[in-house]
Amino acid sequence: MRRRWFFIAPLAIGGMLALMALGSVLVMALWNWLLPLLFGLHQITFWQALGILVLARILFGGWGHHGGFGWNFRQRMRERWVERWERMTPEERERFRQGMRGRCGFGPPASESKVE
């Protein structure tokens, strides 16, 4: 097992570096092709493109937390709603559905009664 890691680890590190370099070249090429012509910005270097990729990763990608910033908050809110829903009686669930239909525009509000 240790022998395998001896060969795989350098290949993995090299692959990550190659992908970072390819991404940086791609960002640099696209930036230098579009932004100076469209917005009058200066061209950027390889290292500046790498910095843009790192900044984008920090701002939008998170650090491996399943979808970036706010994922944990959304997960907790979902769990709270599931718990609430499970504690409701069938009558409370139906009342909740009717209220949501009225508020979200999927039917008449719960306060309006049907005229027969």
PDB file of N, CA and C in Angstrom:
ATOM      1  N   MET A   1       0.814  -1.193   0.000  1.00  0.00           N
ATOM      2  CA  MET A   1       0.000   0.000   0.000  1.00  0.00           C
ATOM      3  C   MET A   1       0.862   1.263   0.000  1.00  0.00           C
ATOM      4  N   ARG A   2       1.926   1.257   0.772  1.00  0.00           N
ATOM      5  CA  ARG A   2       2.796   2.434   0.818  1.00  0.00           C
ATOM      6  C   ARG A   2       3.472   2.674  -0.527  1.00  0.00           C
ATOM      7  N   ARG A   3       3.776   1.606  -1.235  1.00  0.00           N
ATOM      8  CA  ARG A   3       4.399   1.771  -2.543  1.00  0.00           C
ATOM      9  C   ARG A   3       3.476   2.492  -3.508  1.00  0.00           C
ATOM     10  N   ARG A   4       2.206   2.166  -3.439  1.00  0.00           N
ATOM     11  CA  ARG A   4       1.238   2.789  -4.332  1.00  0.00           C
ATOM     12  C   ARG A   4       1.172   4.291  -4.063  1.00  0.00           C
ATOM     13  N   TRP A   5       1.112   4.704  -2.791  1.00  0.00           N
ATOM     14  CA  TRP A   5       1.067   6.120  -2.445  1.00  0.00           C
ATOM     15  C   TRP A   5       2.335   6.835  -2.901  1.00  0.00           C
ATOM     16  N   PHE A   6       3.430   6.130  -2.897  1.00  0.00           N
ATOM     17  CA  PHE A   6       4.694   6.717  -3.313  1.00  0.00           C
ATOM     18  C   PHE A   6       4.619   7.199  -4.765  1.00  0.00           C
ATOM     19  N   PHE A   7       3.828   6.500  -5.597  1.00  0.00           N
ATOM     20  CA  PHE A   7       3.681   6.888  -7.002  1.00  0.00           C
ATOM     21  C   PHE A   7       2.461   7.765  -7.242  1.00  0.00           C
ATOM     22  N   ILE A   8       1.397   7.541  -6.491  1.00  0.00           N
ATOM     23  CA  ILE A   8       0.150   8.271  -6.740  1.00  0.00           C
ATOM     24  C   ILE A   8       0.220   9.705  -6.227  1.00  0.00           C
ATOM     25  N   ALA A   9       0.803   9.927  -5.068  1.00  0.00           N
ATOM     26  CA  ALA A   9       0.837  11.272  -4.484  1.00  0.00           C
ATOM     27  C   ALA A   9       1.512  12.292  -5.408  1.00  0.00           C
ATOM     28  N   PRO A  10       2.689  12.027  -5.955  1.00  0.00           N
ATOM     29  CA  PRO A  10       3.284  13.016  -6.863  1.00  0.00           C
ATOM     30  C   PRO A  10       2.451  13.232  -8.126  1.00  0.00           C
ATOM     31  N   LEU A  11       1.822  12.167  -8.623  1.00  0.00           N
ATOM     32  CA  LEU A  11       0.971  12.326  -9.809  1.00  0.00           C
ATOM     33  C   LEU A  11      -0.248  13.194  -9.493  1.00  0.00           C
ATOM     34  N   ALA A  12      -0.837  13.000  -8.324  1.00  0.00           N
ATOM     35  CA  ALA A  12      -1.994  13.807  -7.937  1.00  0.00           C
ATOM     36  C   ALA A  12      -1.607  15.270  -7.775  1.00  0.00           C
ATOM     37  N   ILE A  13      -0.499  15.526  -7.124  1.00  0.00           N
ATOM     38  CA  ILE A  13      -0.036  16.903  -6.946  1.00  0.00           C
ATOM     39  C   ILE A  13       0.289  17.531  -8.295  1.00  0.00           C
ATOM     40  N   GLY A  14       0.951  16.782  -9.148  1.00  0.00           N
ATOM     41  CA  GLY A  14       1.260  17.279 -10.491  1.00  0.00           C
ATOM     42  C   GLY A  14      -0.003  17.548 -11.293  1.00  0.00           C
ATOM     43  N   GLY A  15      -0.995  16.688 -11.157  1.00  0.00           N
ATOM     44  CA  GLY A  15      -2.265  16.891 -11.859  1.00  0.00           C
ATOM     45  C   GLY A  15      -2.983  18.140 -11.381  1.00  0.00           C
ATOM     46  N   MET A  16      -2.989  18.368 -10.068  1.00  0.00           N
ATOM     47  CA  MET A  16      -3.622  19.578  -9.535  1.00  0.00           C
ATOM     48  C   MET A  16      -2.903  20.832 -10.023  1.00  0.00           C
ATOM     49  N   LEU A  17      -1.563  20.787 -10.026  1.00  0.00           N
ATOM     50  CA  LEU A  17      -0.802  21.942 -10.515  1.00  0.00           C
ATOM     51  C   LEU A  17      -1.060  22.183 -12.001  1.00  0.00           C
ATOM     52  N   ALA A  18      -1.158  21.102 -12.763  1.00  0.00           N
ATOM     53  CA  ALA A  18      -1.432  21.237 -14.196  1.00  0.00           C
ATOM     54  C   ALA A  18      -2.818  21.830 -14.435  1.00  0.00           C
ATOM     55  N   LEU A  19      -3.810  21.399 -13.656  1.00  0.00           N
ATOM     56  CA  LEU A  19      -5.157  21.962 -13.804  1.00  0.00           C
ATOM     57  C   LEU A  19      -5.196  23.434 -13.405  1.00  0.00           C
ATOM     58  N   MET A  20      -4.470  23.793 -12.353  1.00  0.00           N
ATOM     59  CA  MET A  20      -4.403  25.202 -11.963  1.00  0.00           C
ATOM     60  C   MET A  20      -3.739  26.032 -13.061  1.00  0.00           C
ATOM     61  N   ALA A  21      -2.673  25.504 -13.647  1.00  0.00           N
ATOM     62  CA  ALA A  21      -1.984  26.229 -14.718  1.00  0.00           C
ATOM     63  C   ALA A  21      -2.887  26.364 -15.939  1.00  0.00           C
ATOM     64  N   LEU A  22      -3.577  25.297 -16.294  1.00  0.00           N
ATOM     65  CA  LEU A  22      -4.492  25.339 -17.442  1.00  0.00           C
ATOM     66  C   LEU A  22      -5.620  26.332 -17.190  1.00  0.00           C
ATOM     67  N   GLY A  23      -6.177  26.311 -15.982  1.00  0.00           N
ATOM     68  CA  GLY A  23      -7.234  27.266 -15.644  1.00  0.00           C
ATOM     69  C   GLY A  23      -6.742  28.692 -15.697  1.00  0.00           C
ATOM     70  N   SER A  24      -5.535  28.919 -15.210  1.00  0.00           N
ATOM     71  CA  SER A  24      -4.974  30.273 -15.228  1.00  0.00           C
ATOM     72  C   SER A  24      -4.751  30.752 -16.651  1.00  0.00           C
ATOM     73  N   VAL A  25      -4.225  29.876 -17.493  1.00  0.00           N
ATOM     74  CA  VAL A  25      -4.010  30.254 -18.902  1.00  0.00           C
ATOM     75  C   VAL A  25      -5.347  30.554 -19.576  1.00  0.00           C
ATOM     76  N   LEU A  26      -6.366  29.756 -19.264  1.00  0.00           N
ATOM     77  CA  LEU A  26      -7.692  29.976 -19.844  1.00  0.00           C
ATOM     78  C   LEU A  26      -8.275  31.311 -19.387  1.00  0.00           C
ATOM     79  N   VAL A  27      -8.206  31.601 -18.084  1.00  0.00           N
ATOM     80  CA  VAL A  27      -8.709  32.876 -17.567  1.00  0.00           C
ATOM     81  C   VAL A  27      -7.933  34.038 -18.187  1.00  0.00           C
ATOM     82  N   MET A  28      -6.618  33.904 -18.263  1.00  0.00           N
ATOM     83  CA  MET A  28      -5.791  34.963 -18.838  1.00  0.00           C
ATOM     84  C   MET A  28      -6.163  35.209 -20.305  1.00  0.00           C
ATOM     85  N   ALA A  29      -6.321  34.130 -21.058  1.00  0.00           N
ATOM     86  CA  ALA A  29      -6.641  34.281 -22.479  1.00  0.00           C
ATOM     87  C   ALA A  29      -8.017  34.928 -22.674  1.00  0.00           C
ATOM     88  N   LEU A  30      -8.997  34.463 -21.912  1.00  0.00           N
ATOM     89  CA  LEU A  30     -10.337  35.041 -22.046  1.00  0.00           C
ATOM     90  C   LEU A  30     -10.359  36.497 -21.598  1.00  0.00           C
ATOM     91  N   TRP A  31      -9.705  36.808 -20.488  1.00  0.00           N
ATOM     92  CA  TRP A  31      -9.654  38.188 -20.006  1.00  0.00           C
ATOM     93  C   TRP A  31      -8.998  39.082 -21.053  1.00  0.00           C
ATOM     94  N   ASN A  32      -7.825  38.663 -21.534  1.00  0.00           N
ATOM     95  CA  ASN A  32      -7.077  39.497 -22.480  1.00  0.00           C
ATOM     96  C   ASN A  32      -7.770  39.605 -23.829  1.00  0.00           C
ATOM     97  N   TRP A  33      -8.633  38.668 -24.145  1.00  0.00           N
ATOM     98  CA  TRP A  33      -9.350  38.709 -25.412  1.00  0.00           C
ATOM     99  C   TRP A  33     -10.575  39.615 -25.312  1.00  0.00           C
ATOM    100  N   LEU A  34     -11.323  39.526 -24.189  1.00  0.00           N
ATOM    101  CA  LEU A  34     -12.598  40.222 -24.095  1.00  0.00           C
ATOM    102  C   LEU A  34     -12.555  41.562 -23.360  1.00  0.00           C
ATOM    103  N   LEU A  35     -12.017  41.583 -22.180  1.00  0.00           N
ATOM    104  CA  LEU A  35     -12.193  42.747 -21.313  1.00  0.00           C
ATOM    105  C   LEU A  35     -11.474  44.010 -21.787  1.00  0.00           C
ATOM    106  N   PRO A  36     -10.270  43.933 -22.370  1.00  0.00           N
ATOM    107  CA  PRO A  36      -9.684  45.187 -22.879  1.00  0.00           C
ATOM    108  C   PRO A  36     -10.517  45.812 -23.998  1.00  0.00           C
ATOM    109  N   LEU A  37     -11.100  44.988 -24.852  1.00  0.00           N
ATOM    110  CA  LEU A  37     -11.907  45.527 -25.949  1.00  0.00           C
ATOM    111  C   LEU A  37     -13.261  46.036 -25.469  1.00  0.00           C
ATOM    112  N   LEU A  38     -13.888  45.312 -24.543  1.00  0.00           N
ATOM    113  CA  LEU A  38     -15.230  45.688 -24.105  1.00  0.00           C
ATOM    114  C   LEU A  38     -15.233  46.836 -23.097  1.00  0.00           C
ATOM    115  N   PHE A  39     -14.321  46.786 -22.129  1.00  0.00           N
ATOM    116  CA  PHE A  39     -14.368  47.744 -21.029  1.00  0.00           C
ATOM    117  C   PHE A  39     -13.115  48.605 -20.903  1.00  0.00           C
ATOM    118  N   GLY A  40     -12.155  48.425 -21.763  1.00  0.00           N
ATOM    119  CA  GLY A  40     -10.934  49.224 -21.722  1.00  0.00           C
ATOM    120  C   GLY A  40     -10.008  48.879 -20.567  1.00  0.00           C
ATOM    121  N   LEU A  41     -10.094  47.666 -20.061  1.00  0.00           N
ATOM    122  CA  LEU A  41      -9.226  47.238 -18.963  1.00  0.00           C
ATOM    123  C   LEU A  41      -7.874  46.795 -19.507  1.00  0.00           C
ATOM    124  N   HIS A  42      -6.883  46.733 -18.610  1.00  0.00           N
ATOM    125  CA  HIS A  42      -5.547  46.297 -18.998  1.00  0.00           C
ATOM    126  C   HIS A  42      -5.506  44.778 -19.133  1.00  0.00           C
ATOM    127  N   GLN A  43      -4.528  44.309 -19.898  1.00  0.00           N
ATOM    128  CA  GLN A  43      -4.311  42.872 -19.984  1.00  0.00           C
ATOM    129  C   GLN A  43      -3.670  42.391 -18.688  1.00  0.00           C
ATOM    130  N   ILE A  44      -3.851  41.101 -18.383  1.00  0.00           N
ATOM    131  CA  ILE A  44      -3.314  40.556 -17.134  1.00  0.00           C
ATOM    132  C   ILE A  44      -2.259  39.500 -17.439  1.00  0.00           C
ATOM    133  N   THR A  45      -1.458  39.194 -16.422  1.00  0.00           N
ATOM    134  CA  THR A  45      -0.413  38.181 -16.546  1.00  0.00           C
ATOM    135  C   THR A  45      -0.942  36.837 -16.040  1.00  0.00           C
ATOM    136  N   PHE A  46      -0.126  35.817 -16.208  1.00  0.00           N
ATOM    137  CA  PHE A  46      -0.470  34.482 -15.727  1.00  0.00           C
ATOM    138  C   PHE A  46      -0.721  34.499 -14.222  1.00  0.00           C
ATOM    139  N   TRP A  47       0.116  35.170 -13.472  1.00  0.00           N
ATOM    140  CA  TRP A  47       0.003  35.184 -12.011  1.00  0.00           C
ATOM    141  C   TRP A  47      -1.218  35.953 -11.552  1.00  0.00           C
ATOM    142  N   GLN A  48      -1.577  37.003 -12.266  1.00  0.00           N
ATOM    143  CA  GLN A  48      -2.800  37.719 -11.938  1.00  0.00           C
ATOM    144  C   GLN A  48      -4.028  36.861 -12.218  1.00  0.00           C
ATOM    145  N   ALA A  49      -3.979  36.089 -13.301  1.00  0.00           N
ATOM    146  CA  ALA A  49      -5.085  35.176 -13.608  1.00  0.00           C
ATOM    147  C   ALA A  49      -5.215  34.102 -12.532  1.00  0.00           C
ATOM    148  N   LEU A  50      -4.085  33.596 -12.050  1.00  0.00           N
ATOM    149  CA  LEU A  50      -4.113  32.622 -10.958  1.00  0.00           C
ATOM    150  C   LEU A  50      -4.710  33.255  -9.704  1.00  0.00           C
ATOM    151  N   GLY A  51      -4.378  34.500  -9.428  1.00  0.00           N
ATOM    152  CA  GLY A  51      -4.954  35.206  -8.296  1.00  0.00           C
ATOM    153  C   GLY A  51      -6.457  35.374  -8.423  1.00  0.00           C
ATOM    154  N   ILE A  52      -6.929  35.637  -9.632  1.00  0.00           N
ATOM    155  CA  ILE A  52      -8.378  35.747  -9.864  1.00  0.00           C
ATOM    156  C   ILE A  52      -9.057  34.413  -9.594  1.00  0.00           C
ATOM    157  N   LEU A  53      -8.440  33.316 -10.031  1.00  0.00           N
ATOM    158  CA  LEU A  53      -9.010  31.986  -9.760  1.00  0.00           C
ATOM    159  C   LEU A  53      -9.077  31.701  -8.272  1.00  0.00           C
ATOM    160  N   VAL A  54      -8.024  32.031  -7.544  1.00  0.00           N
ATOM    161  CA  VAL A  54      -8.018  31.799  -6.092  1.00  0.00           C
ATOM    162  C   VAL A  54      -9.080  32.658  -5.422  1.00  0.00           C
ATOM    163  N   LEU A  55      -9.185  33.921  -5.819  1.00  0.00           N
ATOM    164  CA  LEU A  55     -10.191  34.806  -5.248  1.00  0.00           C
ATOM    165  C   LEU A  55     -11.601  34.294  -5.538  1.00  0.00           C
ATOM    166  N   ALA A  56     -11.844  33.838  -6.751  1.00  0.00           N
ATOM    167  CA  ALA A  56     -13.163  33.293  -7.095  1.00  0.00           C
ATOM    168  C   ALA A  56     -13.466  32.049  -6.268  1.00  0.00           C
ATOM    169  N   ARG A  57     -12.461  31.234  -6.029  1.00  0.00           N
ATOM    170  CA  ARG A  57     -12.650  30.034  -5.200  1.00  0.00           C
ATOM    171  C   ARG A  57     -13.026  30.415  -3.773  1.00  0.00           C
ATOM    172  N   ILE A  58     -12.366  31.421  -3.236  1.00  0.00           N
ATOM    173  CA  ILE A  58     -12.663  31.864  -1.874  1.00  0.00           C
ATOM    174  C   ILE A  58     -14.076  32.441  -1.794  1.00  0.00           C
ATOM    175  N   LEU A  59     -14.431  33.300  -2.750  1.00  0.00           N
ATOM    176  CA  LEU A  59     -15.719  33.979  -2.688  1.00  0.00           C
ATOM    177  C   LEU A  59     -16.893  33.088  -3.052  1.00  0.00           C
ATOM    178  N   PHE A  60     -16.744  32.230  -4.050  1.00  0.00           N
ATOM    179  CA  PHE A  60     -17.886  31.496  -4.575  1.00  0.00           C
ATOM    180  C   PHE A  60     -17.811  29.989  -4.389  1.00  0.00           C
ATOM    181  N   GLY A  61     -16.632  29.437  -4.237  1.00  0.00           N
ATOM    182  CA  GLY A  61     -16.509  27.991  -4.228  1.00  0.00           C
ATOM    183  C   GLY A  61     -16.441  27.355  -2.861  1.00  0.00           C
ATOM    184  N   GLY A  62     -16.176  28.123  -1.843  1.00  0.00           N
ATOM    185  CA  GLY A  62     -16.011  27.534  -0.527  1.00  0.00           C
ATOM    186  C   GLY A  62     -14.726  26.725  -0.465  1.00  0.00           C
ATOM    187  N   TRP A  63     -14.578  25.939   0.561  1.00  0.00           N
ATOM    188  CA  TRP A  63     -13.388  25.118   0.732  1.00  0.00           C
ATOM    189  C   TRP A  63     -13.788  23.668   0.890  1.00  0.00           C
ATOM    190  N   GLY A  64     -14.587  23.161  -0.040  1.00  0.00           N
ATOM    191  CA  GLY A  64     -14.990  21.765   0.002  1.00  0.00           C
ATOM    192  C   GLY A  64     -16.184  21.514   0.903  1.00  0.00           C
ATOM    193  N   HIS A  65     -17.023  22.514   1.118  1.00  0.00           N
ATOM    194  CA  HIS A  65     -18.171  22.373   2.004  1.00  0.00           C
ATOM    195  C   HIS A  65     -19.463  22.222   1.216  1.00  0.00           C
ATOM    196  N   HIS A  66     -19.509  21.349   0.264  1.00  0.00           N
ATOM    197  CA  HIS A  66     -20.736  21.002  -0.462  1.00  0.00           C
ATOM    198  C   HIS A  66     -21.465  22.212  -1.020  1.00  0.00           C
ATOM    199  N   GLY A  67     -20.849  22.956  -1.847  1.00  0.00           N
ATOM    200  CA  GLY A  67     -21.572  23.998  -2.532  1.00  0.00           C
ATOM    201  C   GLY A  67     -21.273  25.406  -2.084  1.00  0.00           C
ATOM    202  N   GLY A  68     -20.313  25.606  -1.246  1.00  0.00           N
ATOM    203  CA  GLY A  68     -19.877  26.952  -0.954  1.00  0.00           C
ATOM    204  C   GLY A  68     -20.588  27.605   0.206  1.00  0.00           C
ATOM    205  N   PHE A  69     -20.516  28.931   0.205  1.00  0.00           N
ATOM    206  CA  PHE A  69     -20.987  29.744   1.312  1.00  0.00           C
ATOM    207  C   PHE A  69     -22.479  29.525   1.551  1.00  0.00           C
ATOM    208  N   GLY A  70     -22.859  29.343   2.794  1.00  0.00           N
ATOM    209  CA  GLY A  70     -24.262  29.245   3.155  1.00  0.00           C
ATOM    210  C   GLY A  70     -24.842  27.847   3.108  1.00  0.00           C
ATOM    211  N   TRP A  71     -24.066  26.872   2.667  1.00  0.00           N
ATOM    212  CA  TRP A  71     -24.611  25.521   2.552  1.00  0.00           C
ATOM    213  C   TRP A  71     -25.067  25.001   3.901  1.00  0.00           C
ATOM    214  N   ASN A  72     -24.267  25.191   4.922  1.00  0.00           N
ATOM    215  CA  ASN A  72     -24.604  24.691   6.245  1.00  0.00           C
ATOM    216  C   ASN A  72     -25.876  25.351   6.763  1.00  0.00           C
ATOM    217  N   PHE A  73     -26.044  26.636   6.522  1.00  0.00           N
ATOM    218  CA  PHE A  73     -27.243  27.353   6.937  1.00  0.00           C
ATOM    219  C   PHE A  73     -28.475  26.790   6.243  1.00  0.00           C
ATOM    220  N   ARG A  74     -28.385  26.587   4.930  1.00  0.00           N
ATOM    221  CA  ARG A  74     -29.524  26.039   4.184  1.00  0.00           C
ATOM    222  C   ARG A  74     -29.864  24.647   4.670  1.00  0.00           C
ATOM    223  N   GLN A  75     -28.861  23.846   4.959  1.00  0.00           N
ATOM    224  CA  GLN A  75     -29.091  22.488   5.445  1.00  0.00           C
ATOM    225  C   GLN A  75     -29.802  22.506   6.796  1.00  0.00           C
ATOM    226  N   ARG A  76     -29.376  23.383   7.698  1.00  0.00           N
ATOM    227  CA  ARG A  76     -30.023  23.476   9.012  1.00  0.00           C
ATOM    228  C   ARG A  76     -31.467  23.927   8.885  1.00  0.00           C
ATOM    229  N   MET A  77     -31.725  24.904   8.015  1.00  0.00           N
ATOM    230  CA  MET A  77     -33.101  25.377   7.826  1.00  0.00           C
ATOM    231  C   MET A  77     -33.978  24.261   7.278  1.00  0.00           C
ATOM    232  N   ARG A  78     -33.465  23.503   6.343  1.00  0.00           N
ATOM    233  CA  ARG A  78     -34.230  22.391   5.780  1.00  0.00           C
ATOM    234  C   ARG A  78     -34.552  21.368   6.861  1.00  0.00           C
ATOM    235  N   GLU A  79     -33.576  21.048   7.701  1.00  0.00           N
ATOM    236  CA  GLU A  79     -33.807  20.086   8.772  1.00  0.00           C
ATOM    237  C   GLU A  79     -34.867  20.597   9.755  1.00  0.00           C
ATOM    238  N   ARG A  80     -34.841  21.900  10.048  1.00  0.00           N
ATOM    239  CA  ARG A  80     -35.846  22.460  10.955  1.00  0.00           C
ATOM    240  C   ARG A  80     -37.242  22.352  10.364  1.00  0.00           C
ATOM    241  N   TRP A  81     -37.379  22.616   9.046  1.00  0.00           N
ATOM    242  CA  TRP A  81     -38.695  22.522   8.415  1.00  0.00           C
ATOM    243  C   TRP A  81     -39.187  21.082   8.382  1.00  0.00           C
ATOM    244  N   VAL A  82     -38.297  20.140   8.160  1.00  0.00           N
ATOM    245  CA  VAL A  82     -38.692  18.729   8.162  1.00  0.00           C
ATOM    246  C   VAL A  82     -39.189  18.333   9.548  1.00  0.00           C
ATOM    247  N   GLU A  83     -38.496  18.773  10.583  1.00  0.00           N
ATOM    248  CA  GLU A  83     -38.926  18.463  11.951  1.00  0.00           C
ATOM    249  C   GLU A  83     -40.297  19.071  12.246  1.00  0.00           C
ATOM    250  N   ARG A  84     -40.496  20.317  11.845  1.00  0.00           N
ATOM    251  CA  ARG A  84     -41.791  20.959  12.068  1.00  0.00           C
ATOM    252  C   ARG A  84     -42.900  20.205  11.345  1.00  0.00           C
ATOM    253  N   TRP A  85     -42.634  19.841  10.111  1.00  0.00           N
ATOM    254  CA  TRP A  85     -43.636  19.153   9.305  1.00  0.00           C
ATOM    255  C   TRP A  85     -44.015  17.822   9.942  1.00  0.00           C
ATOM    256  N   GLU A  86     -43.048  17.109  10.459  1.00  0.00           N
ATOM    257  CA  GLU A  86     -43.324  15.813  11.075  1.00  0.00           C
ATOM    258  C   GLU A  86     -44.136  15.948  12.360  1.00  0.00           C
ATOM    259  N   ARG A  87     -44.006  17.064  13.058  1.00  0.00           N
ATOM    260  CA  ARG A  87     -44.761  17.270  14.293  1.00  0.00           C
ATOM    261  C   ARG A  87     -46.196  17.724  14.046  1.00  0.00           C
ATOM    262  N   MET A  88     -46.505  18.180  12.837  1.00  0.00           N
ATOM    263  CA  MET A  88     -47.850  18.681  12.539  1.00  0.00           C
ATOM    264  C   MET A  88     -48.842  17.533  12.413  1.00  0.00           C
ATOM    265  N   THR A  89     -50.060  17.828  12.803  1.00  0.00           N
ATOM    266  CA  THR A  89     -51.150  16.875  12.580  1.00  0.00           C
ATOM    267  C   THR A  89     -51.601  17.014  11.129  1.00  0.00           C
ATOM    268  N   PRO A  90     -52.357  16.052  10.607  1.00  0.00           N
ATOM    269  CA  PRO A  90     -52.849  16.183   9.224  1.00  0.00           C
ATOM    270  C   PRO A  90     -53.677  17.456   9.001  1.00  0.00           C
ATOM    271  N   GLU A  91     -54.459  17.868  10.000  1.00  0.00           N
ATOM    272  CA  GLU A  91     -55.258  19.085   9.858  1.00  0.00           C
ATOM    273  C   GLU A  91     -54.353  20.319   9.770  1.00  0.00           C
ATOM    274  N   GLU A  92     -53.311  20.345  10.611  1.00  0.00           N
ATOM    275  CA  GLU A  92     -52.377  21.464  10.567  1.00  0.00           C
ATOM    276  C   GLU A  92     -51.628  21.513   9.245  1.00  0.00           C
ATOM    277  N   ARG A  93     -51.282  20.362   8.717  1.00  0.00           N
ATOM    278  CA  ARG A  93     -50.595  20.326   7.414  1.00  0.00           C
ATOM    279  C   ARG A  93     -51.483  20.878   6.314  1.00  0.00           C
ATOM    280  N   GLU A  94     -52.752  20.490   6.321  1.00  0.00           N
ATOM    281  CA  GLU A  94     -53.669  20.972   5.289  1.00  0.00           C
ATOM    282  C   GLU A  94     -53.881  22.478   5.423  1.00  0.00           C
ATOM    283  N   ARG A  95     -54.004  22.963   6.657  1.00  0.00           N
ATOM    284  CA  ARG A  95     -54.151  24.397   6.889  1.00  0.00           C
ATOM    285  C   ARG A  95     -52.901  25.142   6.398  1.00  0.00           C
ATOM    286  N   PHE A  96     -51.740  24.571   6.638  1.00  0.00           N
ATOM    287  CA  PHE A  96     -50.488  25.165   6.170  1.00  0.00           C
ATOM    288  C   PHE A  96     -50.454  25.202   4.641  1.00  0.00           C
ATOM    289  N   ARG A  97     -50.825  24.098   4.007  1.00  0.00           N
ATOM    290  CA  ARG A  97     -50.850  24.052   2.532  1.00  0.00           C
ATOM    291  C   ARG A  97     -51.787  25.112   1.963  1.00  0.00           C
ATOM    292  N   GLN A  98     -52.974  25.226   2.545  1.00  0.00           N
ATOM    293  CA  GLN A  98     -53.931  26.218   2.059  1.00  0.00           C
ATOM    294  C   GLN A  98     -53.372  27.630   2.219  1.00  0.00           C
ATOM    295  N   GLY A  99     -52.754  27.892   3.348  1.00  0.00           N
ATOM    296  CA  GLY A  99     -52.170  29.212   3.557  1.00  0.00           C
ATOM    297  C   GLY A  99     -51.069  29.511   2.554  1.00  0.00           C
ATOM    298  N   MET A 100     -50.221  28.520   2.268  1.00  0.00           N
ATOM    299  CA  MET A 100     -49.138  28.725   1.301  1.00  0.00           C
ATOM    300  C   MET A 100     -49.692  28.917  -0.100  1.00  0.00           C
ATOM    301  N   ARG A 101     -50.736  28.190  -0.444  1.00  0.00           N
ATOM    302  CA  ARG A 101     -51.349  28.371  -1.770  1.00  0.00           C
ATOM    303  C   ARG A 101     -51.872  29.788  -1.930  1.00  0.00           C
ATOM    304  N   GLY A 102     -52.497  30.298  -0.885  1.00  0.00           N
ATOM    305  CA  GLY A 102     -53.026  31.659  -0.953  1.00  0.00           C
ATOM    306  C   GLY A 102     -51.923  32.704  -1.024  1.00  0.00           C
ATOM    307  N   ARG A 103     -50.850  32.515  -0.270  1.00  0.00           N
ATOM    308  CA  ARG A 103     -49.766  33.497  -0.258  1.00  0.00           C
ATOM    309  C   ARG A 103     -48.906  33.438  -1.508  1.00  0.00           C
ATOM    310  N   CYS A 104     -48.747  32.251  -2.074  1.00  0.00           N
ATOM    311  CA  CYS A 104     -47.841  32.092  -3.215  1.00  0.00           C
ATOM    312  C   CYS A 104     -48.554  32.165  -4.557  1.00  0.00           C
ATOM    313  N   GLY A 105     -49.855  32.404  -4.544  1.00  0.00           N
ATOM    314  CA  GLY A 105     -50.589  32.583  -5.789  1.00  0.00           C
ATOM    315  C   GLY A 105     -50.998  31.304  -6.481  1.00  0.00           C
ATOM    316  N   PHE A 106     -51.102  30.209  -5.743  1.00  0.00           N
ATOM    317  CA  PHE A 106     -51.506  28.945  -6.353  1.00  0.00           C
ATOM    318  C   PHE A 106     -52.972  28.639  -6.117  1.00  0.00           C
ATOM    319  N   GLY A 107     -53.716  29.584  -5.689  1.00  0.00           N
ATOM    320  CA  GLY A 107     -55.132  29.378  -5.429  1.00  0.00           C
ATOM    321  C   GLY A 107     -55.660  30.529  -4.607  1.00  0.00           C
ATOM    322  N   PRO A 108     -56.934  30.462  -4.225  1.00  0.00           N
ATOM    323  CA  PRO A 108     -57.502  31.549  -3.410  1.00  0.00           C
ATOM    324  C   PRO A 108     -56.903  31.554  -2.021  1.00  0.00           C
ATOM    325  N   PRO A 109     -56.776  32.714  -1.402  1.00  0.00           N
ATOM    326  CA  PRO A 109     -56.278  32.773  -0.031  1.00  0.00           C
ATOM    327  C   PRO A 109     -57.165  31.985   0.916  1.00  0.00           C
ATOM    328  N   ALA A 110     -56.596  31.546   2.018  1.00  0.00           N
ATOM    329  CA  ALA A 110     -57.338  30.744   2.985  1.00  0.00           C
ATOM    330  C   ALA A 110     -58.461  31.557   3.624  1.00  0.00           C
ATOM    331  N   SER A 111     -58.342  32.901   3.676  1.00  0.00           N
ATOM    332  CA  SER A 111     -59.359  33.735   4.310  1.00  0.00           C
ATOM    333  C   SER A 111     -60.613  33.864   3.460  1.00  0.00           C
ATOM    334  N   GLU A 112     -60.487  33.678   2.136  1.00  0.00           N
ATOM    335  CA  GLU A 112     -61.660  33.774   1.269  1.00  0.00           C
ATOM    336  C   GLU A 112     -62.410  32.458   1.296  1.00  0.00           C
ATOM    337  N   SER A 113     -63.685  32.553   1.454  1.00  0.00           N
ATOM    338  CA  SER A 113     -64.502  31.345   1.426  1.00  0.00           C
ATOM    339  C   SER A 113     -65.156  31.227   0.075  1.00  0.00           C
ATOM    340  N   LYS A 114     -65.481  30.008  -0.315  1.00  0.00           N
ATOM    341  CA  LYS A 114     -66.117  29.769  -1.601  1.00  0.00           C
ATOM    342  C   LYS A 114     -67.577  30.196  -1.531  1.00  0.00           C
ATOM    343  N   VAL A 115     -68.017  30.945  -2.534  1.00  0.00           N
ATOM    344  CA  VAL A 115     -69.415  31.390  -2.615  1.00  0.00           C
ATOM    345  C   VAL A 115     -70.155  30.356  -3.423  1.00  0.00           C
ATOM    346  N   GLU A 116     -71.232  29.811  -2.832  1.00  0.00           N
ATOM    347  CA  GLU A 116     -72.017  28.804  -3.558  1.00  0.00           C
ATOM    348  C   GLU A 116     -73.377  29.313  -3.867  1.00  0.00           C
TER     349      GLU A 116
END
